[in-house]
Amino acid sequence: MIANGEKLTIGNPTIDGAIVSATAKGDIKDKKIVVFKYKPKVRYRKKTGHRQLHTKLTIDTISQPGEKAEKPRKTRKRKKEVSESGT
């Protein structure tokens, strides 16, 4: 569903031609899941864990079908300025 002022567009299940622009903000890890394998009467036990990675996204723009998608400005990370010492 896209709402733009008085204009409302509802998809079933999606809106064909709609464009979503997002920025990746980094990866995070989910809670640890304990995986325990066990076989009775054989003395086999194995305990391991797993943490799933997820990517954090920030939605910049959602454009309707037929609209031209605006490109977000790219921000560059600046290198730390190295101060020159008297060597």
PDB file of N, CA and C in Angstrom:
ATOM      1  N   MET A   1       0.841  -1.171   0.000  1.00  0.00           N
ATOM      2  CA  MET A   1       0.000   0.000   0.000  1.00  0.00           C
ATOM      3  C   MET A   1       0.889   1.237   0.000  1.00  0.00           C
ATOM      4  N   ILE A   2       0.550   2.180  -0.861  1.00  0.00           N
ATOM      5  CA  ILE A   2       1.267   3.453  -0.919  1.00  0.00           C
ATOM      6  C   ILE A   2       0.237   4.570  -0.766  1.00  0.00           C
ATOM      7  N   ALA A   3       0.463   5.453   0.194  1.00  0.00           N
ATOM      8  CA  ALA A   3      -0.415   6.607   0.399  1.00  0.00           C
ATOM      9  C   ALA A   3       0.395   7.864   0.155  1.00  0.00           C
ATOM     10  N   ASN A   4      -0.066   8.700  -0.776  1.00  0.00           N
ATOM     11  CA  ASN A   4       0.613   9.943  -1.115  1.00  0.00           C
ATOM     12  C   ASN A   4      -0.433  11.062  -1.100  1.00  0.00           C
ATOM     13  N   GLY A   5      -0.614  11.688   0.060  1.00  0.00           N
ATOM     14  CA  GLY A   5      -1.644  12.714   0.175  1.00  0.00           C
ATOM     15  C   GLY A   5      -3.018  12.079   0.078  1.00  0.00           C
ATOM     16  N   GLU A   6      -3.787  12.431  -0.946  1.00  0.00           N
ATOM     17  CA  GLU A   6      -5.119  11.863  -1.135  1.00  0.00           C
ATOM     18  C   GLU A   6      -5.103  10.623  -2.020  1.00  0.00           C
ATOM     19  N   LYS A   7      -3.993  10.394  -2.726  1.00  0.00           N
ATOM     20  CA  LYS A   7      -3.896   9.250  -3.629  1.00  0.00           C
ATOM     21  C   LYS A   7      -3.490   8.002  -2.845  1.00  0.00           C
ATOM     22  N   LEU A   8      -4.271   6.938  -2.996  1.00  0.00           N
ATOM     23  CA  LEU A   8      -4.028   5.687  -2.295  1.00  0.00           C
ATOM     24  C   LEU A   8      -3.948   4.555  -3.307  1.00  0.00           C
ATOM     25  N   THR A   9      -2.860   3.772  -3.249  1.00  0.00           N
ATOM     26  CA  THR A   9      -2.679   2.636  -4.143  1.00  0.00           C
ATOM     27  C   THR A   9      -2.512   1.380  -3.296  1.00  0.00           C
ATOM     28  N   ILE A  10      -3.352   0.371  -3.584  1.00  0.00           N
ATOM     29  CA  ILE A  10      -3.298  -0.882  -2.838  1.00  0.00           C
ATOM     30  C   ILE A  10      -2.991  -2.008  -3.814  1.00  0.00           C
ATOM     31  N   GLY A  11      -2.024  -2.846  -3.469  1.00  0.00           N
ATOM     32  CA  GLY A  11      -1.639  -3.969  -4.325  1.00  0.00           C
ATOM     33  C   GLY A  11      -2.199  -5.276  -3.804  1.00  0.00           C
ATOM     34  N   ASN A  12      -2.233  -6.260  -4.694  1.00  0.00           N
ATOM     35  CA  ASN A  12      -2.748  -7.568  -4.295  1.00  0.00           C
ATOM     36  C   ASN A  12      -1.812  -8.651  -4.813  1.00  0.00           C
ATOM     37  N   PRO A  13      -0.797  -9.126  -4.201  1.00  0.00           N
ATOM     38  CA  PRO A  13      -0.214  -8.724  -2.931  1.00  0.00           C
ATOM     39  C   PRO A  13       0.802  -7.596  -3.069  1.00  0.00           C
ATOM     40  N   THR A  14       1.264  -7.280  -4.300  1.00  0.00           N
ATOM     41  CA  THR A  14       2.246  -6.210  -4.479  1.00  0.00           C
ATOM     42  C   THR A  14       1.735  -5.206  -5.500  1.00  0.00           C
ATOM     43  N   ILE A  15       2.415  -4.080  -5.582  1.00  0.00           N
ATOM     44  CA  ILE A  15       2.106  -3.052  -6.577  1.00  0.00           C
ATOM     45  C   ILE A  15       3.146  -3.175  -7.677  1.00  0.00           C
ATOM     46  N   ASP A  16       2.709  -3.511  -8.886  1.00  0.00           N
ATOM     47  CA  ASP A  16       3.631  -3.663 -10.003  1.00  0.00           C
ATOM     48  C   ASP A  16       4.222  -2.312 -10.380  1.00  0.00           C
ATOM     49  N   GLY A  17       5.539  -2.248 -10.463  1.00  0.00           N
ATOM     50  CA  GLY A  17       6.215  -1.029 -10.883  1.00  0.00           C
ATOM     51  C   GLY A  17       6.620  -0.124  -9.729  1.00  0.00           C
ATOM     52  N   ALA A  18       6.234  -0.422  -8.506  1.00  0.00           N
ATOM     53  CA  ALA A  18       6.637   0.390  -7.358  1.00  0.00           C
ATOM     54  C   ALA A  18       8.109   0.118  -7.046  1.00  0.00           C
ATOM     55  N   ILE A  19       8.813   1.164  -6.646  1.00  0.00           N
ATOM     56  CA  ILE A  19      10.247   1.047  -6.378  1.00  0.00           C
ATOM     57  C   ILE A  19      10.526   1.521  -4.955  1.00  0.00           C
ATOM     58  N   VAL A  20      11.270   0.712  -4.214  1.00  0.00           N
ATOM     59  CA  VAL A  20      11.669   1.051  -2.847  1.00  0.00           C
ATOM     60  C   VAL A  20      13.174   1.233  -2.837  1.00  0.00           C
ATOM     61  N   SER A  21      13.633   2.377  -2.327  1.00  0.00           N
ATOM     62  CA  SER A  21      15.063   2.638  -2.195  1.00  0.00           C
ATOM     63  C   SER A  21      15.435   2.534  -0.724  1.00  0.00           C
ATOM     64  N   ALA A  22      16.485   1.771  -0.427  1.00  0.00           N
ATOM     65  CA  ALA A  22      16.905   1.560   0.953  1.00  0.00           C
ATOM     66  C   ALA A  22      18.421   1.671   1.065  1.00  0.00           C
ATOM     67  N   THR A  23      18.887   1.942   2.282  1.00  0.00           N
ATOM     68  CA  THR A  23      20.304   2.040   2.568  1.00  0.00           C
ATOM     69  C   THR A  23      20.655   1.008   3.621  1.00  0.00           C
ATOM     70  N   ALA A  24      21.706   0.240   3.386  1.00  0.00           N
ATOM     71  CA  ALA A  24      22.156  -0.763   4.357  1.00  0.00           C
ATOM     72  C   ALA A  24      22.929  -0.060   5.464  1.00  0.00           C
ATOM     73  N   LYS A  25      22.568  -0.346   6.697  1.00  0.00           N
ATOM     74  CA  LYS A  25      23.200   0.285   7.857  1.00  0.00           C
ATOM     75  C   LYS A  25      24.149  -0.649   8.592  1.00  0.00           C
ATOM     76  N   GLY A  26      24.311  -1.870   8.111  1.00  0.00           N
ATOM     77  CA  GLY A  26      25.254  -2.797   8.737  1.00  0.00           C
ATOM     78  C   GLY A  26      24.598  -4.113   9.100  1.00  0.00           C
ATOM     79  N   ASP A  27      25.431  -5.044   9.561  1.00  0.00           N
ATOM     80  CA  ASP A  27      24.955  -6.369   9.930  1.00  0.00           C
ATOM     81  C   ASP A  27      24.883  -6.489  11.448  1.00  0.00           C
ATOM     82  N   ILE A  28      23.885  -7.215  11.918  1.00  0.00           N
ATOM     83  CA  ILE A  28      23.758  -7.515  13.335  1.00  0.00           C
ATOM     84  C   ILE A  28      23.522  -9.009  13.479  1.00  0.00           C
ATOM     85  N   LYS A  29      23.813  -9.532  14.661  1.00  0.00           N
ATOM     86  CA  LYS A  29      23.600 -10.954  14.915  1.00  0.00           C
ATOM     87  C   LYS A  29      22.371 -11.132  15.797  1.00  0.00           C
ATOM     88  N   ASP A  30      21.629 -12.183  15.526  1.00  0.00           N
ATOM     89  CA  ASP A  30      20.433 -12.507  16.290  1.00  0.00           C
ATOM     90  C   ASP A  30      20.832 -13.247  17.570  1.00  0.00           C
ATOM     91  N   LYS A  31      19.849 -13.620  18.373  1.00  0.00           N
ATOM     92  CA  LYS A  31      20.117 -14.393  19.585  1.00  0.00           C
ATOM     93  C   LYS A  31      20.687 -15.757  19.215  1.00  0.00           C
ATOM     94  N   LYS A  32      21.457 -16.324  20.135  1.00  0.00           N
ATOM     95  CA  LYS A  32      22.076 -17.617  19.892  1.00  0.00           C
ATOM     96  C   LYS A  32      21.041 -18.732  20.016  1.00  0.00           C
ATOM     97  N   ILE A  33      21.082 -19.644  19.061  1.00  0.00           N
ATOM     98  CA  ILE A  33      20.212 -20.813  19.063  1.00  0.00           C
ATOM     99  C   ILE A  33      21.064 -22.018  19.427  1.00  0.00           C
ATOM    100  N   VAL A  34      20.622 -22.783  20.415  1.00  0.00           N
ATOM    101  CA  VAL A  34      21.362 -23.969  20.849  1.00  0.00           C
ATOM    102  C   VAL A  34      20.868 -25.161  20.042  1.00  0.00           C
ATOM    103  N   VAL A  35      21.815 -25.861  19.395  1.00  0.00           N
ATOM    104  CA  VAL A  35      21.502 -27.061  18.628  1.00  0.00           C
ATOM    105  C   VAL A  35      22.076 -28.241  19.404  1.00  0.00           C
ATOM    106  N   PHE A  36      21.209 -29.140  19.844  1.00  0.00           N
ATOM    107  CA  PHE A  36      21.644 -30.275  20.655  1.00  0.00           C
ATOM    108  C   PHE A  36      21.262 -31.564  19.947  1.00  0.00           C
ATOM    109  N   LYS A  37      22.270 -32.357  19.586  1.00  0.00           N
ATOM    110  CA  LYS A  37      22.026 -33.647  18.936  1.00  0.00           C
ATOM    111  C   LYS A  37      22.212 -34.741  19.980  1.00  0.00           C
ATOM    112  N   TYR A  38      21.315 -35.717  19.954  1.00  0.00           N
ATOM    113  CA  TYR A  38      21.334 -36.774  20.966  1.00  0.00           C
ATOM    114  C   TYR A  38      20.825 -38.068  20.367  1.00  0.00           C
ATOM    115  N   LYS A  39      21.543 -39.149  20.640  1.00  0.00           N
ATOM    116  CA  LYS A  39      21.095 -40.479  20.237  1.00  0.00           C
ATOM    117  C   LYS A  39      21.060 -41.355  21.492  1.00  0.00           C
ATOM    118  N   PRO A  40      19.901 -41.908  21.779  1.00  0.00           N
ATOM    119  CA  PRO A  40      19.809 -42.724  22.990  1.00  0.00           C
ATOM    120  C   PRO A  40      20.574 -44.049  22.847  1.00  0.00           C
ATOM    121  N   LYS A  41      21.045 -44.554  23.964  1.00  0.00           N
ATOM    122  CA  LYS A  41      21.710 -45.860  24.082  1.00  0.00           C
ATOM    123  C   LYS A  41      23.069 -45.932  23.379  1.00  0.00           C
ATOM    124  N   VAL A  42      23.566 -44.840  22.871  1.00  0.00           N
ATOM    125  CA  VAL A  42      24.843 -44.880  22.155  1.00  0.00           C
ATOM    126  C   VAL A  42      25.862 -43.940  22.803  1.00  0.00           C
ATOM    127  N   ARG A  43      25.439 -43.148  23.802  1.00  0.00           N
ATOM    128  CA  ARG A  43      26.274 -42.147  24.464  1.00  0.00           C
ATOM    129  C   ARG A  43      26.757 -41.090  23.482  1.00  0.00           C
ATOM    130  N   TYR A  44      25.884 -40.678  22.588  1.00  0.00           N
ATOM    131  CA  TYR A  44      26.223 -39.636  21.619  1.00  0.00           C
ATOM    132  C   TYR A  44      25.469 -38.362  21.990  1.00  0.00           C
ATOM    133  N   ARG A  45      26.213 -37.308  22.306  1.00  0.00           N
ATOM    134  CA  ARG A  45      25.637 -35.997  22.598  1.00  0.00           C
ATOM    135  C   ARG A  45      26.530 -34.942  21.971  1.00  0.00           C
ATOM    136  N   LYS A  46      25.925 -34.008  21.283  1.00  0.00           N
ATOM    137  CA  LYS A  46      26.705 -32.953  20.654  1.00  0.00           C
ATOM    138  C   LYS A  46      25.942 -31.648  20.799  1.00  0.00           C
ATOM    139  N   LYS A  47      26.575 -30.646  21.389  1.00  0.00           N
ATOM    140  CA  LYS A  47      25.930 -29.359  21.607  1.00  0.00           C
ATOM    141  C   LYS A  47      26.697 -28.288  20.827  1.00  0.00           C
ATOM    142  N   THR A  48      26.003 -27.593  19.938  1.00  0.00           N
ATOM    143  CA  THR A  48      26.592 -26.499  19.169  1.00  0.00           C
ATOM    144  C   THR A  48      25.634 -25.319  19.205  1.00  0.00           C
ATOM    145  N   GLY A  49      26.071 -24.183  18.710  1.00  0.00           N
ATOM    146  CA  GLY A  49      25.241 -22.985  18.674  1.00  0.00           C
ATOM    147  C   GLY A  49      25.318 -22.321  17.323  1.00  0.00           C
ATOM    148  N   HIS A  50      24.388 -21.411  17.101  1.00  0.00           N
ATOM    149  CA  HIS A  50      24.327 -20.712  15.818  1.00  0.00           C
ATOM    150  C   HIS A  50      23.740 -19.322  16.030  1.00  0.00           C
ATOM    151  N   ARG A  51      24.322 -18.307  15.401  1.00  0.00           N
ATOM    152  CA  ARG A  51      23.787 -16.944  15.445  1.00  0.00           C
ATOM    153  C   ARG A  51      23.572 -16.467  14.018  1.00  0.00           C
ATOM    154  N   GLN A  52      22.334 -16.174  13.670  1.00  0.00           N
ATOM    155  CA  GLN A  52      21.974 -15.765  12.312  1.00  0.00           C
ATOM    156  C   GLN A  52      22.325 -14.290  12.102  1.00  0.00           C
ATOM    157  N   LEU A  53      22.896 -13.958  10.948  1.00  0.00           N
ATOM    158  CA  LEU A  53      23.191 -12.569  10.596  1.00  0.00           C
ATOM    159  C   LEU A  53      21.971 -11.920   9.941  1.00  0.00           C
ATOM    160  N   HIS A  54      21.711 -10.664  10.302  1.00  0.00           N
ATOM    161  CA  HIS A  54      20.636  -9.883   9.704  1.00  0.00           C
ATOM    162  C   HIS A  54      21.212  -8.536   9.283  1.00  0.00           C
ATOM    163  N   THR A  55      20.707  -7.981   8.189  1.00  0.00           N
ATOM    164  CA  THR A  55      21.153  -6.687   7.703  1.00  0.00           C
ATOM    165  C   THR A  55      20.131  -5.627   8.079  1.00  0.00           C
ATOM    166  N   LYS A  56      20.589  -4.543   8.724  1.00  0.00           N
ATOM    167  CA  LYS A  56      19.707  -3.431   9.073  1.00  0.00           C
ATOM    168  C   LYS A  56      19.540  -2.544   7.847  1.00  0.00           C
ATOM    169  N   LEU A  57      18.298  -2.204   7.512  1.00  0.00           N
ATOM    170  CA  LEU A  57      18.010  -1.343   6.371  1.00  0.00           C
ATOM    171  C   LEU A  57      17.249  -0.111   6.828  1.00  0.00           C
ATOM    172  N   THR A  58      17.505   1.021   6.155  1.00  0.00           N
ATOM    173  CA  THR A  58      16.726   2.230   6.349  1.00  0.00           C
ATOM    174  C   THR A  58      16.049   2.539   5.026  1.00  0.00           C
ATOM    175  N   ILE A  59      14.716   2.640   5.033  1.00  0.00           N
ATOM    176  CA  ILE A  59      13.966   2.932   3.814  1.00  0.00           C
ATOM    177  C   ILE A  59      14.085   4.418   3.520  1.00  0.00           C
ATOM    178  N   ASP A  60      14.619   4.754   2.335  1.00  0.00           N
ATOM    179  CA  ASP A  60      14.791   6.158   1.936  1.00  0.00           C
ATOM    180  C   ASP A  60      13.537   6.680   1.250  1.00  0.00           C
ATOM    181  N   THR A  61      13.132   6.031   0.161  1.00  0.00           N
ATOM    182  CA  THR A  61      11.960   6.494  -0.587  1.00  0.00           C
ATOM    183  C   THR A  61      11.151   5.307  -1.090  1.00  0.00           C
ATOM    184  N   ILE A  62       9.852   5.558  -1.268  1.00  0.00           N
ATOM    185  CA  ILE A  62       8.956   4.599  -1.907  1.00  0.00           C
ATOM    186  C   ILE A  62       8.258   5.357  -3.021  1.00  0.00           C
ATOM    187  N   SER A  63       8.486   4.953  -4.273  1.00  0.00           N
ATOM    188  CA  SER A  63       7.890   5.674  -5.393  1.00  0.00           C
ATOM    189  C   SER A  63       6.824   4.815  -6.060  1.00  0.00           C
ATOM    190  N   GLN A  64       5.752   5.486  -6.506  1.00  0.00           N
ATOM    191  CA  GLN A  64       4.629   4.812  -7.137  1.00  0.00           C
ATOM    192  C   GLN A  64       4.968   4.445  -8.572  1.00  0.00           C
ATOM    193  N   PRO A  65       4.181   3.546  -9.171  1.00  0.00           N
ATOM    194  CA  PRO A  65       4.421   3.180 -10.567  1.00  0.00           C
ATOM    195  C   PRO A  65       4.295   4.399 -11.472  1.00  0.00           C
ATOM    196  N   GLY A  66       5.228   4.543 -12.373  1.00  0.00           N
ATOM    197  CA  GLY A  66       5.218   5.661 -13.310  1.00  0.00           C
ATOM    198  C   GLY A  66       6.010   6.850 -12.828  1.00  0.00           C
ATOM    199  N   GLU A  67       6.279   6.961 -11.542  1.00  0.00           N
ATOM    200  CA  GLU A  67       7.095   8.050 -11.024  1.00  0.00           C
ATOM    201  C   GLU A  67       8.561   7.709 -11.211  1.00  0.00           C
ATOM    202  N   LYS A  68       9.360   8.740 -11.371  1.00  0.00           N
ATOM    203  CA  LYS A  68      10.790   8.532 -11.498  1.00  0.00           C
ATOM    204  C   LYS A  68      11.380   8.428 -10.094  1.00  0.00           C
ATOM    205  N   ALA A  69      12.137   7.380  -9.850  1.00  0.00           N
ATOM    206  CA  ALA A  69      12.713   7.156  -8.519  1.00  0.00           C
ATOM    207  C   ALA A  69      13.845   8.138  -8.281  1.00  0.00           C
ATOM    208  N   GLU A  70      13.826   8.752  -7.111  1.00  0.00           N
ATOM    209  CA  GLU A  70      14.899   9.666  -6.743  1.00  0.00           C
ATOM    210  C   GLU A  70      16.044   8.865  -6.162  1.00  0.00           C
ATOM    211  N   LYS A  71      17.238   9.165  -6.621  1.00  0.00           N
ATOM    212  CA  LYS A  71      18.404   8.482  -6.092  1.00  0.00           C
ATOM    213  C   LYS A  71      18.880   9.221  -4.849  1.00  0.00           C
ATOM    214  N   PRO A  72      19.098   8.493  -3.748  1.00  0.00           N
ATOM    215  CA  PRO A  72      19.587   9.164  -2.545  1.00  0.00           C
ATOM    216  C   PRO A  72      21.030   9.595  -2.742  1.00  0.00           C
ATOM    217  N   ARG A  73      21.404  10.647  -2.060  1.00  0.00           N
ATOM    218  CA  ARG A  73      22.775  11.132  -2.161  1.00  0.00           C
ATOM    219  C   ARG A  73      23.725  10.144  -1.506  1.00  0.00           C
ATOM    220  N   LYS A  74      24.827   9.907  -2.169  1.00  0.00           N
ATOM    221  CA  LYS A  74      25.832   9.012  -1.611  1.00  0.00           C
ATOM    222  C   LYS A  74      26.739   9.819  -0.698  1.00  0.00           C
ATOM    223  N   THR A  75      26.943   9.326   0.501  1.00  0.00           N
ATOM    224  CA  THR A  75      27.851   9.980   1.433  1.00  0.00           C
ATOM    225  C   THR A  75      29.105   9.136   1.533  1.00  0.00           C
ATOM    226  N   ARG A  76      30.222   9.794   1.368  1.00  0.00           N
ATOM    227  CA  ARG A  76      31.490   9.093   1.440  1.00  0.00           C
ATOM    228  C   ARG A  76      32.086   9.267   2.821  1.00  0.00           C
ATOM    229  N   LYS A  77      32.690   8.201   3.301  1.00  0.00           N
ATOM    230  CA  LYS A  77      33.388   8.300   4.576  1.00  0.00           C
ATOM    231  C   LYS A  77      34.752   8.921   4.305  1.00  0.00           C
ATOM    232  N   ARG A  78      35.043   9.955   5.052  1.00  0.00           N
ATOM    233  CA  ARG A  78      36.328  10.636   4.852  1.00  0.00           C
ATOM    234  C   ARG A  78      37.412   9.944   5.672  1.00  0.00           C
ATOM    235  N   LYS A  79      38.569   9.875   5.079  1.00  0.00           N
ATOM    236  CA  LYS A  79      39.719   9.297   5.787  1.00  0.00           C
ATOM    237  C   LYS A  79      40.139  10.257   6.882  1.00  0.00           C
ATOM    238  N   LYS A  80      40.611   9.679   7.962  1.00  0.00           N
ATOM    239  CA  LYS A  80      41.097  10.524   9.047  1.00  0.00           C
ATOM    240  C   LYS A  80      42.317  11.286   8.563  1.00  0.00           C
ATOM    241  N   GLU A  81      42.304  12.577   8.847  1.00  0.00           N
ATOM    242  CA  GLU A  81      43.445  13.384   8.416  1.00  0.00           C
ATOM    243  C   GLU A  81      44.645  13.047   9.289  1.00  0.00           C
ATOM    244  N   VAL A  82      45.732  12.802   8.625  1.00  0.00           N
ATOM    245  CA  VAL A  82      46.975  12.468   9.328  1.00  0.00           C
ATOM    246  C   VAL A  82      47.721  13.749   9.589  1.00  0.00           C
ATOM    247  N   SER A  83      47.953  14.053  10.856  1.00  0.00           N
ATOM    248  CA  SER A  83      48.679  15.264  11.194  1.00  0.00           C
ATOM    249  C   SER A  83      50.178  14.999  11.026  1.00  0.00           C
ATOM    250  N   GLU A  84      50.818  15.931  10.342  1.00  0.00           N
ATOM    251  CA  GLU A  84      52.248  15.755  10.070  1.00  0.00           C
ATOM    252  C   GLU A  84      53.025  16.174  11.303  1.00  0.00           C
ATOM    253  N   SER A  85      53.876  15.293  11.753  1.00  0.00           N
ATOM    254  CA  SER A  85      54.731  15.609  12.907  1.00  0.00           C
ATOM    255  C   SER A  85      56.052  16.140  12.398  1.00  0.00           C
ATOM    256  N   GLY A  86      56.788  16.741  13.249  1.00  0.00           N
ATOM    257  CA  GLY A  86      58.073  17.367  12.859  1.00  0.00           C
ATOM    258  C   GLY A  86      59.178  16.334  12.709  1.00  0.00           C
ATOM    259  N   THR A  87      58.990  15.299  11.918  1.00  0.00           N
ATOM    260  CA  THR A  87      60.048  14.304  11.742  1.00  0.00           C
ATOM    261  C   THR A  87      60.777  14.534  10.463  1.00  0.00           C
TER     262      THR A  87
END
